[in-house]
């Protein structure tokens, strides 16, 4: 990682927004993303006991994707239609995958969701990471392909090669690097990983 570029990005961000994410402009952007509401939704609907009702979990997954401002408008209806067209067994396996991802064996859950979604061409980085992004906002983040590729390139993240097809190894490694990068900047720039990712994206836009 190029720590100098990260330090410069931090300095430029505070020059432009002296109050950081408490600046009026950042507060306005934050309202559009409704992180607090979506974090609350995730914890209300995807806690460990919720998975006893597969049909409800499936509809809540559709609602989560639909509510997220970080998932493209193009992907929202495609995900909804794909999931609703699944067989009962596929829905059950998808729900089990999410339960494993969030509460049990993360790798197994990630791979099971990938396996179920792939035939429907919905095994995309945004879909694969949207649920953990809101359930564990201080640990996880949503992977937007363009942002991920640019962060790797601009901040010179060694040993990371983006692949369009999601895989657990990259998911785990990129998340680890992002959490390490947070330690190099003021804590106010990372109230959650989505905000920190937004800071990185804005820094690259302004370079």
C-alpha atoms as a PDB file:
ATOM      1  CA  UNK A   1       0.000   0.000   0.000  1.00  0.00           C
ATOM      2  CA  UNK A   2       1.159   3.502  -0.813  1.00  0.00           C
ATOM      3  CA  UNK A   3       0.768   5.135   2.610  1.00  0.00           C
ATOM      4  CA  UNK A   4       1.855   8.513   1.240  1.00  0.00           C
ATOM      5  CA  UNK A   5      -1.051   8.614  -1.205  1.00  0.00           C
ATOM      6  CA  UNK A   6      -3.440   7.683   1.582  1.00  0.00           C
ATOM      7  CA  UNK A   7      -2.056  10.425   3.798  1.00  0.00           C
ATOM      8  CA  UNK A   8      -2.384  12.945   0.969  1.00  0.00           C
ATOM      9  CA  UNK A   9      -5.954  11.828   0.349  1.00  0.00           C
ATOM     10  CA  UNK A  10      -6.766  12.358   4.025  1.00  0.00           C
ATOM     11  CA  UNK A  11      -5.211  15.825   4.020  1.00  0.00           C
ATOM     12  CA  UNK A  12      -7.066  16.875   0.874  1.00  0.00           C
ATOM     13  CA  UNK A  13     -10.357  15.519   2.198  1.00  0.00           C
ATOM     14  CA  UNK A  14     -10.111  17.553   5.411  1.00  0.00           C
ATOM     15  CA  UNK A  15      -9.085  20.632   3.441  1.00  0.00           C
ATOM     16  CA  UNK A  16     -12.272  20.304   1.429  1.00  0.00           C
ATOM     17  CA  UNK A  17     -14.465  19.093   4.300  1.00  0.00           C
ATOM     18  CA  UNK A  18     -12.981  20.404   7.588  1.00  0.00           C
ATOM     19  CA  UNK A  19     -15.613  18.605   9.655  1.00  0.00           C
ATOM     20  CA  UNK A  20     -15.148  15.347   7.768  1.00  0.00           C
ATOM     21  CA  UNK A  21     -18.322  13.279   7.583  1.00  0.00           C
ATOM     22  CA  UNK A  22     -19.990  15.816   9.867  1.00  0.00           C
ATOM     23  CA  UNK A  23     -19.700  18.458   7.138  1.00  0.00           C
ATOM     24  CA  UNK A  24     -23.092  19.513   5.705  1.00  0.00           C
ATOM     25  CA  UNK A  25     -22.200  18.116   2.279  1.00  0.00           C
ATOM     26  CA  UNK A  26     -21.272  14.725   3.731  1.00  0.00           C
ATOM     27  CA  UNK A  27     -24.367  14.626   5.923  1.00  0.00           C
ATOM     28  CA  UNK A  28     -26.511  15.245   2.827  1.00  0.00           C
ATOM     29  CA  UNK A  29     -24.791  12.386   0.991  1.00  0.00           C
ATOM     30  CA  UNK A  30     -25.185  10.146   4.039  1.00  0.00           C
ATOM     31  CA  UNK A  31     -28.932  10.723   4.115  1.00  0.00           C
ATOM     32  CA  UNK A  32     -29.196   9.375   0.577  1.00  0.00           C
ATOM     33  CA  UNK A  33     -27.512   6.121   1.602  1.00  0.00           C
ATOM     34  CA  UNK A  34     -29.525   5.667   4.834  1.00  0.00           C
ATOM     35  CA  UNK A  35     -26.862   3.464   6.421  1.00  0.00           C
ATOM     36  CA  UNK A  36     -28.418   3.571   9.902  1.00  0.00           C
ATOM     37  CA  UNK A  37     -31.810   2.445   8.599  1.00  0.00           C
ATOM     38  CA  UNK A  38     -30.327  -0.367   6.535  1.00  0.00           C
ATOM     39  CA  UNK A  39     -28.099  -1.579   9.359  1.00  0.00           C
ATOM     40  CA  UNK A  40     -31.189  -1.692  11.550  1.00  0.00           C
ATOM     41  CA  UNK A  41     -33.110  -3.559   8.837  1.00  0.00           C
ATOM     42  CA  UNK A  42     -30.322  -6.127   8.490  1.00  0.00           C
ATOM     43  CA  UNK A  43     -30.245  -6.840  12.217  1.00  0.00           C
ATOM     44  CA  UNK A  44     -34.013  -7.045  12.468  1.00  0.00           C
ATOM     45  CA  UNK A  45     -34.404  -9.488   9.579  1.00  0.00           C
ATOM     46  CA  UNK A  46     -31.194 -11.550   9.437  1.00  0.00           C
ATOM     47  CA  UNK A  47     -30.535 -12.413  13.073  1.00  0.00           C
ATOM     48  CA  UNK A  48     -29.835 -16.054  13.788  1.00  0.00           C
ATOM     49  CA  UNK A  49     -33.441 -16.931  14.671  1.00  0.00           C
ATOM     50  CA  UNK A  50     -34.882 -15.396  11.499  1.00  0.00           C
ATOM     51  CA  UNK A  51     -33.671 -18.220   9.273  1.00  0.00           C
ATOM     52  CA  UNK A  52     -36.281 -20.645  10.531  1.00  0.00           C
ATOM     53  CA  UNK A  53     -38.708 -19.011   8.069  1.00  0.00           C
ATOM     54  CA  UNK A  54     -37.083 -19.442   4.660  1.00  0.00           C
ATOM     55  CA  UNK A  55     -39.794 -17.698   2.621  1.00  0.00           C
ATOM     56  CA  UNK A  56     -39.642 -14.589   4.793  1.00  0.00           C
ATOM     57  CA  UNK A  57     -35.843 -14.506   4.685  1.00  0.00           C
ATOM     58  CA  UNK A  58     -35.915 -14.737   0.895  1.00  0.00           C
ATOM     59  CA  UNK A  59     -38.325 -11.787   0.624  1.00  0.00           C
ATOM     60  CA  UNK A  60     -36.202  -9.849   3.126  1.00  0.00           C
ATOM     61  CA  UNK A  61     -33.124 -10.504   0.989  1.00  0.00           C
ATOM     62  CA  UNK A  62     -34.964  -9.038  -1.994  1.00  0.00           C
ATOM     63  CA  UNK A  63     -36.005  -6.049   0.128  1.00  0.00           C
ATOM     64  CA  UNK A  64     -32.424  -5.508   1.352  1.00  0.00           C
ATOM     65  CA  UNK A  65     -31.063  -5.439  -2.199  1.00  0.00           C
ATOM     66  CA  UNK A  66     -33.880  -3.155  -3.295  1.00  0.00           C
ATOM     67  CA  UNK A  67     -33.293  -0.709  -0.420  1.00  0.00           C
ATOM     68  CA  UNK A  68     -29.535  -0.450  -0.876  1.00  0.00           C
ATOM     69  CA  UNK A  69     -28.402   2.663  -2.711  1.00  0.00           C
ATOM     70  CA  UNK A  70     -25.122   0.903  -3.476  1.00  0.00           C
ATOM     71  CA  UNK A  71     -26.732  -1.773  -5.652  1.00  0.00           C
ATOM     72  CA  UNK A  72     -27.432  -0.594  -9.187  1.00  0.00           C
ATOM     73  CA  UNK A  73     -30.992  -0.001 -10.335  1.00  0.00           C
ATOM     74  CA  UNK A  74     -30.311  -2.522 -13.097  1.00  0.00           C
ATOM     75  CA  UNK A  75     -29.442  -5.320 -10.658  1.00  0.00           C
ATOM     76  CA  UNK A  76     -32.350  -4.847  -8.244  1.00  0.00           C
ATOM     77  CA  UNK A  77     -35.188  -6.227 -10.429  1.00  0.00           C
ATOM     78  CA  UNK A  78     -32.915  -8.902 -11.897  1.00  0.00           C
ATOM     79  CA  UNK A  79     -32.129 -10.186  -8.410  1.00  0.00           C
ATOM     80  CA  UNK A  80     -35.791 -10.076  -7.388  1.00  0.00           C
ATOM     81  CA  UNK A  81     -36.960 -11.983 -10.462  1.00  0.00           C
ATOM     82  CA  UNK A  82     -34.138 -14.515 -10.247  1.00  0.00           C
ATOM     83  CA  UNK A  83     -34.733 -15.340  -6.590  1.00  0.00           C
ATOM     84  CA  UNK A  84     -38.509 -15.556  -6.944  1.00  0.00           C
ATOM     85  CA  UNK A  85     -38.109 -17.964  -9.868  1.00  0.00           C
ATOM     86  CA  UNK A  86     -35.938 -20.352  -7.834  1.00  0.00           C
ATOM     87  CA  UNK A  87     -37.171 -23.732  -6.723  1.00  0.00           C
ATOM     88  CA  UNK A  88     -38.033 -24.270  -3.074  1.00  0.00           C
ATOM     89  CA  UNK A  89     -34.788 -26.186  -2.605  1.00  0.00           C
ATOM     90  CA  UNK A  90     -32.729 -23.412  -4.174  1.00  0.00           C
ATOM     91  CA  UNK A  91     -34.353 -20.801  -1.941  1.00  0.00           C
ATOM     92  CA  UNK A  92     -33.628 -22.946   1.077  1.00  0.00           C
ATOM     93  CA  UNK A  93     -29.979 -23.326   0.075  1.00  0.00           C
ATOM     94  CA  UNK A  94     -29.677 -19.587  -0.559  1.00  0.00           C
ATOM     95  CA  UNK A  95     -31.084 -18.841   2.901  1.00  0.00           C
ATOM     96  CA  UNK A  96     -28.727 -21.391   4.462  1.00  0.00           C
ATOM     97  CA  UNK A  97     -25.846 -19.764   2.609  1.00  0.00           C
ATOM     98  CA  UNK A  98     -26.703 -16.360   4.028  1.00  0.00           C
ATOM     99  CA  UNK A  99     -27.093 -17.781   7.526  1.00  0.00           C
ATOM    100  CA  UNK A 100     -23.673 -19.417   7.264  1.00  0.00           C
ATOM    101  CA  UNK A 101     -22.142 -16.244   5.825  1.00  0.00           C
ATOM    102  CA  UNK A 102     -23.410 -14.056   8.651  1.00  0.00           C
ATOM    103  CA  UNK A 103     -23.416 -16.397  11.642  1.00  0.00           C
ATOM    104  CA  UNK A 104     -21.570 -19.671  11.161  1.00  0.00           C
ATOM    105  CA  UNK A 105     -18.934 -20.629   8.586  1.00  0.00           C
ATOM    106  CA  UNK A 106     -18.371 -17.549   6.468  1.00  0.00           C
ATOM    107  CA  UNK A 107     -16.454 -19.276   3.695  1.00  0.00           C
ATOM    108  CA  UNK A 108     -18.989 -22.070   3.327  1.00  0.00           C
ATOM    109  CA  UNK A 109     -21.831 -19.556   3.294  1.00  0.00           C
ATOM    110  CA  UNK A 110     -20.124 -17.405   0.670  1.00  0.00           C
ATOM    111  CA  UNK A 111     -19.488 -20.394  -1.584  1.00  0.00           C
ATOM    112  CA  UNK A 112     -23.008 -21.794  -1.165  1.00  0.00           C
ATOM    113  CA  UNK A 113     -24.588 -18.466  -2.107  1.00  0.00           C
ATOM    114  CA  UNK A 114     -22.223 -18.257  -5.062  1.00  0.00           C
ATOM    115  CA  UNK A 115     -23.252 -21.734  -6.187  1.00  0.00           C
ATOM    116  CA  UNK A 116     -26.977 -20.963  -5.985  1.00  0.00           C
ATOM    117  CA  UNK A 117     -26.798 -17.549  -7.635  1.00  0.00           C
ATOM    118  CA  UNK A 118     -24.351 -18.399 -10.439  1.00  0.00           C
ATOM    119  CA  UNK A 119     -26.825 -20.218 -12.757  1.00  0.00           C
ATOM    120  CA  UNK A 120     -29.060 -17.131 -12.581  1.00  0.00           C
ATOM    121  CA  UNK A 121     -26.123 -14.830 -13.431  1.00  0.00           C
ATOM    122  CA  UNK A 122     -26.587 -13.038 -10.107  1.00  0.00           C
ATOM    123  CA  UNK A 123     -23.317 -14.116  -8.479  1.00  0.00           C
ATOM    124  CA  UNK A 124     -22.034 -10.544  -8.622  1.00  0.00           C
ATOM    125  CA  UNK A 125     -19.756  -8.784  -6.159  1.00  0.00           C
ATOM    126  CA  UNK A 126     -22.411  -6.270  -5.119  1.00  0.00           C
ATOM    127  CA  UNK A 127     -24.979  -8.974  -4.385  1.00  0.00           C
ATOM    128  CA  UNK A 128     -22.462 -11.211  -2.644  1.00  0.00           C
ATOM    129  CA  UNK A 129     -21.344  -8.460  -0.263  1.00  0.00           C
ATOM    130  CA  UNK A 130     -24.454  -6.335   0.322  1.00  0.00           C
ATOM    131  CA  UNK A 131     -25.773  -8.357   3.267  1.00  0.00           C
ATOM    132  CA  UNK A 132     -22.588  -8.501   5.333  1.00  0.00           C
ATOM    133  CA  UNK A 133     -21.952  -4.828   4.529  1.00  0.00           C
ATOM    134  CA  UNK A 134     -25.023  -3.841   6.531  1.00  0.00           C
ATOM    135  CA  UNK A 135     -24.878  -6.613   9.131  1.00  0.00           C
ATOM    136  CA  UNK A 136     -21.226  -5.965  10.022  1.00  0.00           C
ATOM    137  CA  UNK A 137     -20.719  -2.338   8.913  1.00  0.00           C
ATOM    138  CA  UNK A 138     -17.481  -1.837  10.848  1.00  0.00           C
ATOM    139  CA  UNK A 139     -15.898  -5.001   9.430  1.00  0.00           C
ATOM    140  CA  UNK A 140     -17.397  -5.565   5.989  1.00  0.00           C
ATOM    141  CA  UNK A 141     -18.132  -3.464   2.942  1.00  0.00           C
ATOM    142  CA  UNK A 142     -19.953  -3.692  -0.343  1.00  0.00           C
ATOM    143  CA  UNK A 143     -17.619  -4.406  -3.252  1.00  0.00           C
ATOM    144  CA  UNK A 144     -18.364  -2.086  -6.159  1.00  0.00           C
ATOM    145  CA  UNK A 145     -16.182  -3.425  -8.991  1.00  0.00           C
ATOM    146  CA  UNK A 146     -15.014  -0.070 -10.372  1.00  0.00           C
ATOM    147  CA  UNK A 147     -14.155   1.260  -6.914  1.00  0.00           C
ATOM    148  CA  UNK A 148     -12.341  -1.932  -5.932  1.00  0.00           C
ATOM    149  CA  UNK A 149     -10.257  -1.950  -9.108  1.00  0.00           C
ATOM    150  CA  UNK A 150      -9.379   1.734  -8.727  1.00  0.00           C
ATOM    151  CA  UNK A 151      -8.436   1.393  -5.053  1.00  0.00           C
ATOM    152  CA  UNK A 152      -6.103  -1.503  -5.867  1.00  0.00           C
ATOM    153  CA  UNK A 153      -4.487   0.459  -8.675  1.00  0.00           C
ATOM    154  CA  UNK A 154      -4.312   3.935  -7.143  1.00  0.00           C
ATOM    155  CA  UNK A 155      -3.184   2.947  -3.651  1.00  0.00           C
ATOM    156  CA  UNK A 156      -0.872   0.274  -5.057  1.00  0.00           C
ATOM    157  CA  UNK A 157      -2.228  -2.667  -3.079  1.00  0.00           C
ATOM    158  CA  UNK A 158       0.276  -5.433  -3.632  1.00  0.00           C
ATOM    159  CA  UNK A 159      -0.792  -9.037  -4.100  1.00  0.00           C
ATOM    160  CA  UNK A 160      -4.384  -8.186  -4.947  1.00  0.00           C
ATOM    161  CA  UNK A 161      -5.789  -8.906  -8.380  1.00  0.00           C
ATOM    162  CA  UNK A 162      -9.444  -8.155  -8.981  1.00  0.00           C
ATOM    163  CA  UNK A 163     -11.512 -10.825 -10.696  1.00  0.00           C
ATOM    164  CA  UNK A 164     -15.060 -10.225 -12.003  1.00  0.00           C
ATOM    165  CA  UNK A 165     -16.189 -13.592 -10.654  1.00  0.00           C
ATOM    166  CA  UNK A 166     -16.514 -13.425  -6.869  1.00  0.00           C
ATOM    167  CA  UNK A 167     -14.333 -15.731  -4.814  1.00  0.00           C
ATOM    168  CA  UNK A 168     -13.882 -16.004  -1.087  1.00  0.00           C
ATOM    169  CA  UNK A 169     -10.107 -15.569  -1.041  1.00  0.00           C
ATOM    170  CA  UNK A 170     -10.285 -12.155  -2.692  1.00  0.00           C
ATOM    171  CA  UNK A 171     -13.263 -11.191  -0.518  1.00  0.00           C
ATOM    172  CA  UNK A 172     -11.318 -12.007   2.637  1.00  0.00           C
ATOM    173  CA  UNK A 173      -8.036 -10.433   1.513  1.00  0.00           C
ATOM    174  CA  UNK A 174      -9.466  -7.164   0.172  1.00  0.00           C
ATOM    175  CA  UNK A 175     -11.550  -6.723   3.336  1.00  0.00           C
ATOM    176  CA  UNK A 176      -8.439  -7.261   5.461  1.00  0.00           C
ATOM    177  CA  UNK A 177      -6.494  -4.656   3.496  1.00  0.00           C
ATOM    178  CA  UNK A 178      -9.327  -2.113   3.771  1.00  0.00           C
ATOM    179  CA  UNK A 179      -9.453  -2.618   7.529  1.00  0.00           C
ATOM    180  CA  UNK A 180      -5.682  -2.147   7.704  1.00  0.00           C
ATOM    181  CA  UNK A 181      -5.889   1.038   5.619  1.00  0.00           C
ATOM    182  CA  UNK A 182      -8.368   2.487   8.119  1.00  0.00           C
ATOM    183  CA  UNK A 183      -5.684   2.431  10.799  1.00  0.00           C
ATOM    184  CA  UNK A 184      -3.593   4.913   8.811  1.00  0.00           C
ATOM    185  CA  UNK A 185      -6.199   7.685   8.831  1.00  0.00           C
ATOM    186  CA  UNK A 186      -8.204   9.560  11.451  1.00  0.00           C
ATOM    187  CA  UNK A 187     -10.956   7.378  12.913  1.00  0.00           C
ATOM    188  CA  UNK A 188     -13.611   9.914  11.875  1.00  0.00           C
ATOM    189  CA  UNK A 189     -13.023   8.897   8.245  1.00  0.00           C
ATOM    190  CA  UNK A 190     -14.245   5.387   8.983  1.00  0.00           C
ATOM    191  CA  UNK A 191     -17.466   5.495  11.029  1.00  0.00           C
ATOM    192  CA  UNK A 192     -18.191   2.361   9.004  1.00  0.00           C
ATOM    193  CA  UNK A 193     -16.520   0.650   6.068  1.00  0.00           C
ATOM    194  CA  UNK A 194     -19.032   1.957   3.548  1.00  0.00           C
ATOM    195  CA  UNK A 195     -18.110   5.516   4.530  1.00  0.00           C
ATOM    196  CA  UNK A 196     -14.402   4.739   4.394  1.00  0.00           C
ATOM    197  CA  UNK A 197     -14.848   3.227   0.950  1.00  0.00           C
ATOM    198  CA  UNK A 198     -16.708   6.391  -0.053  1.00  0.00           C
ATOM    199  CA  UNK A 199     -13.792   8.484   1.202  1.00  0.00           C
ATOM    200  CA  UNK A 200     -11.379   6.435  -0.913  1.00  0.00           C
ATOM    201  CA  UNK A 201     -13.628   6.775  -3.960  1.00  0.00           C
ATOM    202  CA  UNK A 202     -13.895  10.554  -3.547  1.00  0.00           C
ATOM    203  CA  UNK A 203     -10.138  10.822  -3.079  1.00  0.00           C
ATOM    204  CA  UNK A 204      -9.541   9.099  -6.388  1.00  0.00           C
ATOM    205  CA  UNK A 205     -12.179  11.221  -8.128  1.00  0.00           C
ATOM    206  CA  UNK A 206     -10.339  14.346  -6.997  1.00  0.00           C
ATOM    207  CA  UNK A 207      -6.855  13.253  -7.965  1.00  0.00           C
END
